[in-house]
N, C-alpha and C. Protein backbone atom coordinates (compact mmCIF):
# COMPACT_ATOMS: atom_id res chain seq x y z
N MET A 1 28.41 117.40 -14.42
CA MET A 1 28.43 115.97 -14.66
C MET A 1 27.39 115.61 -15.34
N GLU A 2 27.09 114.84 -16.43
CA GLU A 2 26.22 114.64 -17.22
C GLU A 2 25.74 113.11 -16.43
N LYS A 3 24.06 113.73 -16.33
CA LYS A 3 23.61 112.24 -15.54
C LYS A 3 23.02 111.70 -16.08
N GLN A 4 23.08 110.05 -15.79
CA GLN A 4 22.73 108.84 -16.62
C GLN A 4 21.13 108.79 -16.26
N GLU A 5 20.04 109.17 -16.79
CA GLU A 5 18.72 108.48 -16.46
C GLU A 5 17.99 107.08 -16.80
N ILE A 6 17.34 106.82 -15.82
CA ILE A 6 17.56 105.82 -15.07
C ILE A 6 16.17 105.56 -14.20
N VAL A 7 15.07 104.71 -14.88
CA VAL A 7 13.83 104.89 -14.67
C VAL A 7 13.39 103.81 -12.99
N LEU A 8 12.71 104.57 -12.54
CA LEU A 8 12.05 104.09 -11.67
C LEU A 8 10.60 103.28 -11.39
N ALA A 9 10.69 102.28 -11.07
CA ALA A 9 9.37 101.43 -11.62
C ALA A 9 8.41 101.80 -10.18
N SER A 10 8.05 102.77 -10.55
CA SER A 10 7.02 103.54 -8.91
C SER A 10 6.50 104.98 -9.29
N SER A 11 5.15 105.20 -8.96
CA SER A 11 4.35 106.30 -9.70
C SER A 11 4.15 107.49 -7.68
N ASN A 12 4.99 106.45 -6.87
CA ASN A 12 4.75 106.98 -6.00
C ASN A 12 5.56 107.91 -5.44
N PRO A 13 5.61 109.88 -5.52
CA PRO A 13 5.82 110.50 -4.95
C PRO A 13 7.03 110.51 -4.03
N GLY A 14 6.87 110.08 -2.93
CA GLY A 14 7.63 110.13 -2.16
C GLY A 14 8.35 109.12 -1.83
N LYS A 15 8.36 107.88 -2.90
CA LYS A 15 9.63 106.90 -2.99
C LYS A 15 10.30 107.49 -4.18
N VAL A 16 9.60 108.46 -5.37
CA VAL A 16 10.95 109.02 -6.12
C VAL A 16 11.61 109.87 -5.63
N LYS A 17 11.35 110.92 -4.67
CA LYS A 17 12.19 112.07 -3.99
C LYS A 17 13.02 111.24 -3.11
N GLU A 18 12.24 110.13 -2.17
CA GLU A 18 13.16 109.67 -1.33
C GLU A 18 14.52 109.11 -2.23
N VAL A 19 14.71 108.57 -3.56
CA VAL A 19 15.58 107.36 -4.13
C VAL A 19 16.73 108.98 -4.90
N ASN A 20 15.58 109.78 -5.37
CA ASN A 20 16.40 110.78 -6.05
C ASN A 20 17.18 111.27 -4.66
N GLU A 21 17.32 111.73 -3.20
CA GLU A 21 17.71 112.04 -2.91
C GLU A 21 19.17 111.15 -2.35
N LEU A 22 18.79 110.10 -1.98
CA LEU A 22 19.70 108.73 -2.37
C LEU A 22 20.67 109.13 -3.20
N LEU A 23 20.57 109.54 -4.38
CA LEU A 23 21.47 109.52 -5.64
C LEU A 23 21.92 110.71 -5.78
N ALA A 24 21.87 111.80 -4.75
CA ALA A 24 22.32 113.03 -5.13
C ALA A 24 23.40 113.20 -5.84
N ASP A 25 24.89 112.46 -5.08
CA ASP A 25 25.80 112.49 -5.25
C ASP A 25 26.21 111.38 -6.13
N THR A 26 25.74 111.03 -7.06
CA THR A 26 26.21 109.81 -8.40
C THR A 26 25.77 110.61 -9.98
N VAL A 27 25.94 109.83 -10.22
CA VAL A 27 25.79 110.30 -11.87
C VAL A 27 24.35 109.73 -12.36
N PHE A 28 23.70 109.17 -11.50
CA PHE A 28 22.83 108.76 -11.95
C PHE A 28 21.12 109.66 -11.35
N HIS A 29 20.09 109.96 -12.31
CA HIS A 29 18.76 110.63 -12.06
C HIS A 29 17.86 109.89 -12.10
N ILE A 30 16.46 109.63 -11.23
CA ILE A 30 15.52 108.95 -11.17
C ILE A 30 14.64 109.79 -12.19
N LEU A 31 13.62 109.03 -12.76
CA LEU A 31 12.69 109.39 -14.05
C LEU A 31 11.78 108.68 -13.25
N PRO A 32 10.14 108.80 -12.91
CA PRO A 32 9.00 108.37 -12.41
C PRO A 32 8.34 107.21 -13.00
N GLN A 33 8.17 106.03 -13.54
CA GLN A 33 7.68 105.41 -14.69
C GLN A 33 6.23 105.98 -14.95
N SER A 34 5.41 107.47 -14.59
CA SER A 34 4.19 107.81 -14.90
C SER A 34 4.77 109.08 -15.95
N GLU A 35 6.16 109.74 -16.22
CA GLU A 35 6.30 109.98 -16.96
C GLU A 35 6.38 109.70 -18.39
N PHE A 36 6.02 108.23 -18.38
CA PHE A 36 6.03 107.38 -19.84
C PHE A 36 5.21 106.74 -20.21
N ASP A 37 3.70 107.57 -19.18
CA ASP A 37 2.83 106.93 -19.56
C ASP A 37 2.51 104.85 -19.07
N VAL A 38 3.45 104.71 -18.10
CA VAL A 38 3.67 103.09 -17.85
C VAL A 38 2.27 102.76 -17.30
N VAL A 39 1.83 101.73 -17.82
CA VAL A 39 0.41 100.78 -17.52
C VAL A 39 1.24 100.16 -16.15
N GLU A 40 0.73 100.36 -14.65
CA GLU A 40 1.19 99.62 -13.31
C GLU A 40 1.31 98.20 -13.54
N ALA A 41 2.60 97.72 -13.40
CA ALA A 41 2.40 96.31 -13.39
C ALA A 41 1.49 95.00 -12.10
N GLU A 42 1.25 94.13 -12.71
CA GLU A 42 0.26 93.47 -11.41
C GLU A 42 1.02 92.62 -10.82
N GLU A 43 1.22 92.96 -9.30
CA GLU A 43 2.10 92.17 -8.35
C GLU A 43 1.91 90.81 -8.22
N THR A 44 1.96 89.79 -8.92
CA THR A 44 1.46 88.46 -8.81
C THR A 44 2.41 87.32 -7.84
N GLY A 45 3.83 88.16 -7.55
CA GLY A 45 4.96 87.55 -7.39
C GLY A 45 4.47 87.07 -6.12
N LEU A 46 5.22 85.84 -5.14
CA LEU A 46 5.30 85.68 -3.61
C LEU A 46 5.98 86.49 -2.53
N THR A 47 6.90 86.66 -4.02
CA THR A 47 8.23 87.34 -2.45
C THR A 47 8.28 88.66 -3.13
N PHE A 48 9.23 89.53 -2.23
CA PHE A 48 9.28 91.24 -2.53
C PHE A 48 10.54 90.81 -4.03
N VAL A 49 10.95 90.15 -3.95
CA VAL A 49 12.18 89.85 -5.25
C VAL A 49 11.21 90.25 -6.51
N GLU A 50 10.48 88.82 -6.43
CA GLU A 50 9.04 88.58 -7.82
C GLU A 50 8.70 90.15 -7.87
N ASN A 51 8.10 90.21 -7.38
CA ASN A 51 7.37 91.69 -7.53
C ASN A 51 8.38 92.80 -7.79
N ALA A 52 9.43 93.01 -7.63
CA ALA A 52 10.41 93.64 -8.03
C ALA A 52 11.02 93.48 -8.98
N ILE A 53 10.95 92.43 -9.74
CA ILE A 53 11.20 91.84 -11.05
C ILE A 53 10.54 92.04 -12.17
N LEU A 54 8.89 91.53 -11.83
CA LEU A 54 7.90 91.53 -12.34
C LEU A 54 7.71 93.35 -12.75
N LYS A 55 8.22 94.65 -11.77
CA LYS A 55 7.98 95.63 -12.18
C LYS A 55 8.71 96.04 -13.15
N ALA A 56 9.67 95.99 -12.79
CA ALA A 56 11.25 96.63 -13.54
C ALA A 56 10.71 95.71 -15.17
N ARG A 57 10.48 95.02 -15.38
CA ARG A 57 10.12 93.67 -17.27
C ARG A 57 9.39 95.41 -17.52
N ASN A 58 8.24 95.23 -16.43
CA ASN A 58 7.12 95.65 -17.39
C ASN A 58 7.77 97.43 -17.44
N ALA A 59 8.14 98.36 -16.76
CA ALA A 59 8.60 99.43 -17.22
C ALA A 59 9.78 99.43 -18.12
N ALA A 60 10.39 98.30 -17.98
CA ALA A 60 11.41 98.43 -19.32
C ALA A 60 11.02 98.21 -20.70
N ARG A 61 9.70 97.53 -20.66
CA ARG A 61 9.17 97.49 -22.18
C ARG A 61 9.00 98.82 -22.36
N TYR A 62 8.11 99.50 -21.68
CA TYR A 62 7.01 100.53 -21.82
C TYR A 62 8.20 101.81 -22.24
N THR A 63 9.53 101.63 -21.61
CA THR A 63 10.40 103.26 -22.11
C THR A 63 11.60 103.03 -22.54
N ASN A 64 11.78 101.83 -22.66
CA ASN A 64 13.24 101.33 -23.41
C ASN A 64 14.26 102.04 -22.91
N LEU A 65 14.33 102.36 -21.62
CA LEU A 65 15.14 102.52 -20.43
C LEU A 65 15.56 101.58 -19.78
N PRO A 66 17.03 101.95 -18.78
CA PRO A 66 17.48 100.95 -17.54
C PRO A 66 16.26 101.72 -16.80
N VAL A 67 16.19 100.37 -15.87
CA VAL A 67 15.06 100.71 -14.68
C VAL A 67 15.55 100.08 -13.37
N ILE A 68 15.64 100.80 -12.31
CA ILE A 68 15.27 99.92 -11.10
C ILE A 68 13.53 100.00 -10.38
N ALA A 69 13.57 98.99 -9.96
CA ALA A 69 12.45 98.79 -9.31
C ALA A 69 12.66 98.50 -7.88
N ASP A 70 11.89 98.60 -6.63
CA ASP A 70 11.80 97.65 -5.57
C ASP A 70 10.65 97.21 -5.35
N ASP A 71 10.64 96.33 -4.44
CA ASP A 71 9.24 95.89 -3.93
C ASP A 71 9.70 95.96 -2.52
N SER A 72 9.24 96.94 -1.82
CA SER A 72 9.36 96.75 -0.06
C SER A 72 7.98 97.05 0.70
N GLY A 73 8.28 96.45 1.90
CA GLY A 73 6.84 96.56 3.18
C GLY A 73 7.43 96.23 4.33
N ILE A 74 6.34 96.50 4.85
CA ILE A 74 6.41 95.89 6.52
C ILE A 74 5.80 94.71 6.75
N GLU A 75 6.56 93.70 7.97
CA GLU A 75 6.51 92.75 8.31
C GLU A 75 6.28 92.87 9.72
N VAL A 76 5.31 92.38 10.62
CA VAL A 76 5.36 92.15 12.12
C VAL A 76 5.51 91.12 12.41
N ILE A 77 6.59 90.82 13.12
CA ILE A 77 6.89 89.17 13.53
C ILE A 77 5.88 88.43 13.93
N ALA A 78 4.89 89.15 14.93
CA ALA A 78 3.94 88.22 15.49
C ALA A 78 2.37 88.12 14.60
N LEU A 79 2.71 88.74 13.45
CA LEU A 79 1.16 88.23 12.61
C LEU A 79 2.11 87.49 11.74
N LYS A 80 3.13 86.57 11.60
CA LYS A 80 3.65 85.96 10.35
C LYS A 80 3.90 86.86 9.43
N GLY A 81 4.54 88.05 9.57
CA GLY A 81 5.74 88.43 8.75
C GLY A 81 4.21 89.39 7.50
N GLN A 82 3.01 89.65 8.54
CA GLN A 82 2.08 90.59 7.60
C GLN A 82 2.18 91.82 8.25
N PRO A 83 2.22 92.82 6.99
CA PRO A 83 1.24 92.57 6.04
C PRO A 83 2.11 92.03 4.44
N GLY A 84 3.89 92.36 4.90
CA GLY A 84 4.71 91.65 3.89
C GLY A 84 4.11 92.01 2.78
N ILE A 85 4.62 91.27 1.50
CA ILE A 85 4.22 91.88 0.30
C ILE A 85 3.16 92.77 -0.05
N TYR A 86 1.99 92.40 0.83
CA TYR A 86 0.73 93.00 0.32
C TYR A 86 0.61 94.39 1.69
N SER A 87 1.96 95.63 1.82
CA SER A 87 1.81 96.21 2.44
C SER A 87 0.78 97.45 1.86
N ALA A 88 1.16 97.92 0.41
CA ALA A 88 0.88 98.41 -0.24
C ALA A 88 -0.65 98.50 -0.34
N ARG A 89 -1.20 97.30 0.19
CA ARG A 89 -2.61 97.19 -0.68
C ARG A 89 -3.50 96.40 1.05
N TYR A 90 -2.63 96.70 2.12
CA TYR A 90 -3.05 95.54 3.33
C TYR A 90 -4.72 95.95 3.34
N ALA A 91 -5.04 97.18 2.84
CA ALA A 91 -6.47 97.48 3.86
C ALA A 91 -7.44 97.48 1.94
N GLY A 92 -6.68 97.03 1.25
CA GLY A 92 -7.74 97.11 -0.23
C GLY A 92 -7.24 97.63 -1.32
N LEU A 93 -7.21 97.16 -2.33
CA LEU A 93 -6.52 97.83 -3.58
C LEU A 93 -6.56 99.17 -4.27
N ASP A 94 -7.04 99.77 -3.24
CA ASP A 94 -7.19 101.26 -3.55
C ASP A 94 -7.14 101.93 -2.15
N ALA A 95 -6.55 101.23 -1.43
CA ALA A 95 -6.31 101.64 -0.22
C ALA A 95 -5.67 102.85 0.11
N SER A 96 -5.57 103.85 1.03
CA SER A 96 -4.64 105.13 1.28
C SER A 96 -3.49 104.52 2.18
N ASP A 97 -2.96 105.27 2.23
CA ASP A 97 -1.65 105.30 3.61
C ASP A 97 -1.83 105.01 4.96
N GLU A 98 -3.17 105.87 5.18
CA GLU A 98 -3.77 106.44 5.97
C GLU A 98 -5.17 104.71 6.37
N ASP A 99 -5.44 104.25 5.48
CA ASP A 99 -6.61 103.16 5.72
C ASP A 99 -5.64 101.52 6.15
N ASN A 100 -4.18 101.75 5.04
CA ASN A 100 -3.49 100.94 5.86
C ASN A 100 -2.97 101.09 6.87
N LEU A 101 -2.43 102.40 7.36
CA LEU A 101 -1.90 102.38 9.17
C LEU A 101 -2.90 101.60 9.70
N ASN A 102 -4.26 102.03 9.62
CA ASN A 102 -5.41 102.00 10.40
C ASN A 102 -5.70 100.47 10.81
N LYS A 103 -5.40 99.48 9.35
CA LYS A 103 -5.67 98.08 9.42
C LYS A 103 -4.52 97.76 10.01
N LEU A 104 -3.46 98.20 10.12
CA LEU A 104 -2.65 97.28 11.01
C LEU A 104 -2.21 97.63 12.58
N ILE A 105 -2.72 98.72 12.59
CA ILE A 105 -2.82 99.88 14.16
C ILE A 105 -4.48 98.42 14.68
N GLU A 106 -5.19 98.23 13.88
CA GLU A 106 -6.35 97.41 14.64
C GLU A 106 -5.82 95.77 14.63
N ALA A 107 -4.49 95.80 13.87
CA ALA A 107 -4.32 93.95 14.05
C ALA A 107 -3.19 94.02 15.38
N ILE A 108 -2.76 95.16 15.46
CA ILE A 108 -1.47 95.02 16.72
C ILE A 108 -1.93 95.27 18.27
N LYS A 109 -3.16 95.96 17.82
CA LYS A 109 -3.33 96.75 19.12
C LYS A 109 -3.87 95.80 20.48
N THR A 110 -3.96 94.53 20.32
CA THR A 110 -4.01 93.79 21.49
C THR A 110 -2.68 92.85 21.35
N LEU A 111 -1.79 93.17 20.69
CA LEU A 111 -0.79 92.61 21.29
C LEU A 111 0.77 93.32 21.67
N ASP A 112 0.75 92.61 23.44
CA ASP A 112 1.67 93.51 24.28
C ASP A 112 2.58 93.82 23.48
N GLU A 113 3.19 94.82 24.30
CA GLU A 113 4.30 95.61 23.57
C GLU A 113 5.58 94.80 22.93
N VAL A 114 5.87 94.17 23.86
CA VAL A 114 6.98 93.40 23.74
C VAL A 114 6.88 92.03 22.50
N ASP A 115 5.53 91.99 21.76
CA ASP A 115 5.48 91.17 20.39
C ASP A 115 5.60 92.10 19.33
N ARG A 116 5.60 93.51 19.31
CA ARG A 116 5.53 94.31 18.32
C ARG A 116 7.16 94.44 17.53
N ASN A 117 7.71 93.65 17.14
CA ASN A 117 8.77 93.57 16.93
C ASN A 117 8.69 93.63 14.71
N ALA A 118 9.02 94.21 14.34
CA ALA A 118 8.68 94.48 12.75
C ALA A 118 9.65 95.28 12.08
N ARG A 119 10.08 94.56 10.94
CA ARG A 119 10.88 95.16 10.12
C ARG A 119 10.46 95.89 8.43
N PHE A 120 11.48 96.61 8.07
CA PHE A 120 10.79 97.03 6.87
C PHE A 120 11.99 96.26 6.23
N VAL A 121 11.73 95.96 4.86
CA VAL A 121 12.06 95.13 3.94
C VAL A 121 11.80 95.86 2.88
N CYS A 122 12.73 95.88 1.86
CA CYS A 122 13.56 96.21 0.61
C CYS A 122 13.95 95.53 -0.25
N SER A 123 13.78 94.68 -1.23
CA SER A 123 14.16 94.08 -2.48
C SER A 123 14.46 95.08 -3.79
N MET A 124 15.18 95.27 -4.10
CA MET A 124 15.64 96.12 -5.37
C MET A 124 16.51 95.85 -6.19
N VAL A 125 16.05 96.04 -7.60
CA VAL A 125 16.71 95.34 -8.93
C VAL A 125 16.84 96.22 -10.02
N PHE A 126 17.77 96.18 -10.56
CA PHE A 126 18.12 97.05 -11.69
C PHE A 126 18.22 95.94 -13.04
N LEU A 127 17.27 96.33 -13.95
CA LEU A 127 17.70 95.59 -15.45
C LEU A 127 17.70 96.80 -16.27
N ARG A 128 19.11 96.56 -17.01
CA ARG A 128 19.38 97.30 -18.21
C ARG A 128 18.79 97.10 -19.65
N HIS A 129 17.74 96.31 -19.80
CA HIS A 129 16.89 96.21 -20.50
C HIS A 129 15.28 95.36 -19.75
N ALA A 130 14.22 95.27 -20.76
CA ALA A 130 13.01 94.08 -20.46
C ALA A 130 13.82 92.61 -20.98
N GLU A 131 14.69 92.79 -21.43
CA GLU A 131 15.11 91.17 -21.55
C GLU A 131 16.15 90.44 -20.50
N ASP A 132 16.63 91.49 -19.98
CA ASP A 132 17.90 91.54 -19.32
C ASP A 132 17.53 90.15 -18.45
N PRO A 133 18.59 89.22 -18.67
CA PRO A 133 18.45 87.55 -18.03
C PRO A 133 19.05 87.89 -16.90
N THR A 134 20.11 88.88 -16.55
CA THR A 134 20.88 88.76 -14.84
C THR A 134 20.51 90.18 -14.89
N PRO A 135 19.19 90.30 -13.93
CA PRO A 135 19.28 91.68 -13.36
C PRO A 135 20.14 91.68 -12.00
N LEU A 136 20.23 92.63 -11.48
CA LEU A 136 21.59 93.16 -10.46
C LEU A 136 19.97 93.37 -9.63
N ILE A 137 20.42 92.49 -7.84
CA ILE A 137 19.19 92.38 -7.14
C ILE A 137 20.25 92.79 -5.70
N SER A 138 19.34 93.57 -4.94
CA SER A 138 19.89 93.70 -3.41
C SER A 138 19.04 93.91 -2.22
N GLN A 139 19.52 93.84 -1.24
CA GLN A 139 17.95 94.09 -0.41
C GLN A 139 18.34 94.21 0.85
N GLY A 140 17.32 95.42 1.73
CA GLY A 140 18.22 95.93 2.57
C GLY A 140 16.75 95.93 3.96
N ILE A 141 16.93 95.52 5.16
CA ILE A 141 16.33 94.86 6.36
C ILE A 141 16.80 96.08 7.26
N TRP A 142 15.58 96.84 7.61
CA TRP A 142 15.62 97.76 8.89
C TRP A 142 14.68 97.38 10.14
N ASP A 143 15.32 96.87 11.63
CA ASP A 143 14.33 96.79 12.36
C ASP A 143 14.16 97.94 13.31
N GLY A 144 12.76 97.40 13.64
CA GLY A 144 12.05 98.57 14.15
C GLY A 144 10.87 97.73 15.30
N VAL A 145 10.41 98.75 15.63
CA VAL A 145 8.60 98.53 16.49
C VAL A 145 7.74 98.83 15.68
N VAL A 146 6.49 98.47 16.12
CA VAL A 146 5.04 99.01 15.48
C VAL A 146 4.19 99.65 16.59
N ILE A 147 4.18 100.81 16.29
CA ILE A 147 3.33 101.39 17.72
C ILE A 147 1.94 101.99 17.46
N THR A 148 1.02 101.68 18.29
CA THR A 148 -0.50 102.15 17.71
C THR A 148 -1.35 103.73 17.71
N GLU A 149 -0.20 104.24 17.69
CA GLU A 149 -0.03 105.89 17.78
C GLU A 149 0.81 106.93 16.91
N PRO A 150 0.19 106.85 15.54
CA PRO A 150 1.33 107.39 14.73
C PRO A 150 1.88 108.52 15.14
N ARG A 151 3.40 108.82 14.62
CA ARG A 151 3.47 110.36 15.15
C ARG A 151 4.73 110.69 13.84
N GLY A 152 4.32 111.56 13.77
CA GLY A 152 6.01 112.71 12.73
C GLY A 152 5.04 113.10 11.12
N LEU A 153 5.60 113.46 10.46
CA LEU A 153 5.07 113.93 8.81
C LEU A 153 5.86 113.73 8.22
N ASN A 154 7.03 113.11 8.35
CA ASN A 154 7.78 112.92 7.25
C ASN A 154 7.58 111.73 6.60
N GLY A 155 8.33 111.50 5.35
CA GLY A 155 7.89 109.80 4.83
C GLY A 155 6.91 109.66 4.41
N PHE A 156 6.19 108.65 4.40
CA PHE A 156 4.56 108.34 3.52
C PHE A 156 4.73 106.59 3.87
N GLY A 157 3.63 106.02 3.82
CA GLY A 157 3.81 104.42 4.01
C GLY A 157 3.30 104.51 5.76
N TYR A 158 4.20 103.54 6.00
CA TYR A 158 3.77 102.79 7.84
C TYR A 158 4.93 103.70 8.26
N ASP A 159 5.45 104.64 7.72
CA ASP A 159 6.49 105.72 8.58
C ASP A 159 5.89 106.15 9.69
N PRO A 160 4.82 106.17 9.71
CA PRO A 160 4.38 107.01 11.17
C PRO A 160 4.51 105.95 12.66
N MET A 161 3.99 104.84 12.36
CA MET A 161 3.90 103.84 13.16
C MET A 161 4.99 103.24 13.60
N PHE A 162 6.47 102.95 12.74
CA PHE A 162 7.83 102.74 12.78
C PHE A 162 8.75 103.16 13.86
N TYR A 163 8.53 102.70 15.00
CA TYR A 163 8.94 102.90 15.69
C TYR A 163 10.92 102.48 15.80
N VAL A 164 11.62 103.52 16.38
CA VAL A 164 13.23 103.07 15.79
C VAL A 164 13.70 103.46 17.11
N PRO A 165 14.45 102.37 18.12
CA PRO A 165 14.59 102.69 19.40
C PRO A 165 15.95 103.19 19.38
N THR A 166 16.75 102.81 18.49
CA THR A 166 18.05 103.70 18.45
C THR A 166 18.17 104.83 18.65
N HIS A 167 16.63 105.93 18.04
CA HIS A 167 16.77 106.98 17.67
C HIS A 167 15.33 107.89 18.09
N ASP A 168 15.01 106.83 19.09
CA ASP A 168 13.73 107.01 20.37
C ASP A 168 13.03 107.81 19.54
N CYS A 169 12.29 107.92 18.07
CA CYS A 169 11.30 108.39 17.57
C CYS A 169 11.07 107.21 16.72
N THR A 170 10.07 107.56 15.71
CA THR A 170 9.47 107.25 14.36
C THR A 170 10.28 107.44 13.26
N SER A 171 10.07 106.94 12.21
CA SER A 171 10.55 106.92 11.04
C SER A 171 10.10 108.43 10.55
N ALA A 172 9.04 108.82 10.67
CA ALA A 172 8.60 109.75 10.48
C ALA A 172 8.58 111.40 10.88
N GLU A 173 9.43 110.81 12.27
CA GLU A 173 9.97 111.93 12.64
C GLU A 173 11.35 112.00 12.66
N LEU A 174 12.46 111.08 11.78
CA LEU A 174 13.47 111.27 11.44
C LEU A 174 14.13 112.27 10.41
N LEU A 175 15.02 113.39 10.34
CA LEU A 175 15.07 114.11 9.27
C LEU A 175 15.32 113.21 8.41
N PRO A 176 15.13 113.68 6.95
CA PRO A 176 15.95 112.65 5.76
C PRO A 176 16.61 112.45 5.53
N GLU A 177 17.94 113.43 5.78
CA GLU A 177 19.25 112.41 5.17
C GLU A 177 19.97 111.10 6.24
N ILE A 178 18.91 111.51 7.63
CA ILE A 178 19.29 110.34 8.35
C ILE A 178 18.02 109.54 8.45
N LYS A 179 16.51 109.39 7.86
CA LYS A 179 16.30 108.06 7.42
C LYS A 179 16.79 107.64 6.33
N ASN A 180 17.32 108.13 5.29
CA ASN A 180 18.00 107.45 4.40
C ASN A 180 19.30 106.77 4.42
N GLN A 181 20.20 106.88 5.28
CA GLN A 181 21.31 106.23 6.37
C GLN A 181 20.97 104.73 6.55
N LEU A 182 19.34 105.54 7.46
CA LEU A 182 19.37 103.95 8.43
C LEU A 182 18.03 103.07 7.53
N SER A 183 17.35 103.47 6.56
CA SER A 183 16.22 102.78 5.85
C SER A 183 16.58 101.49 5.40
N HIS A 184 15.58 100.88 5.11
CA HIS A 184 15.61 99.32 4.29
C HIS A 184 15.74 99.66 2.63
N ARG A 185 15.47 101.31 1.96
CA ARG A 185 15.56 101.40 1.20
C ARG A 185 16.99 101.69 1.03
N GLY A 186 17.14 103.07 2.22
CA GLY A 186 18.84 103.12 1.60
C GLY A 186 19.45 102.11 1.62
N GLN A 187 19.62 101.16 2.12
CA GLN A 187 20.36 99.97 2.32
C GLN A 187 20.45 99.58 1.06
N ALA A 188 19.32 99.27 0.51
CA ALA A 188 19.12 98.47 -0.76
C ALA A 188 20.16 99.00 -1.97
N LEU A 189 19.32 100.39 -2.05
CA LEU A 189 20.02 101.35 -2.63
C LEU A 189 21.39 101.37 -3.65
N THR A 190 21.86 101.64 -2.09
CA THR A 190 23.18 102.03 -2.02
C THR A 190 24.20 100.80 -2.37
N CYS A 191 23.84 99.61 -1.86
CA CYS A 191 24.19 98.10 -2.35
C CYS A 191 24.52 98.05 -4.02
N LEU A 192 23.17 98.71 -4.20
CA LEU A 192 22.91 98.07 -5.74
C LEU A 192 23.47 99.29 -6.43
N ILE A 193 23.34 100.87 -6.34
CA ILE A 193 24.29 101.25 -7.50
C ILE A 193 25.79 100.99 -7.30
N LYS A 194 26.27 100.42 -6.06
CA LYS A 194 27.75 99.92 -5.50
C LYS A 194 28.14 98.55 -7.12
N GLN A 195 26.76 97.84 -7.07
CA GLN A 195 26.82 97.01 -8.15
C GLN A 195 26.92 97.53 -9.50
N ILE A 196 25.91 98.40 -9.85
CA ILE A 196 25.61 99.10 -11.29
C ILE A 196 27.04 99.95 -11.95
N CYS A 197 27.98 100.60 -10.81
CA CYS A 197 29.25 101.01 -10.75
C CYS A 197 30.15 100.54 -11.32
N LYS A 198 30.35 98.62 -10.92
CA LYS A 198 31.14 97.47 -11.01
C LYS A 198 30.79 97.19 -12.60
N MET A 199 29.64 97.95 -13.44
CA MET A 199 29.60 97.14 -14.69
C MET A 199 30.27 96.79 -15.68
């Protein structure tokens, strides 16, 4: 089965690996935008969808290939949805995953446990080309609770502090195949692939 190449508007190796795992049984194969020397887009949108479209158009201009882009993050309800669209740069533009984790732990440690409800959100888009006027759009939401003692080595980003009550562990403690079934990104990508296949 010949694979159809789609660029993922991300250079995050964890995200590229996760999306390719989700697409293993499809005709699609993801290439990271870093293979094309794409300069990162400025995320100036005020919503996850706006930022995903900005990233997709930017990557499509550089590569002349179809592009999938997502913008995702964690929203803590008691923090009015923070870090939200700023999740990847919560502790600063050059922040590491650990920096971001530590800042969020500081922000929630005074909250009662009952006030630590959170959710991962992913908005994902597909563009056929840079000027595509009708991007396909999907969204996934994964509800959980944030904890102050990170656990687990799988995943990336905020996974070690995102506790999943239904499985009594953090996202970073889940097997990748289980995480892919549950996650915000898995939900959004499954929905998006169904839309692409109907084109």
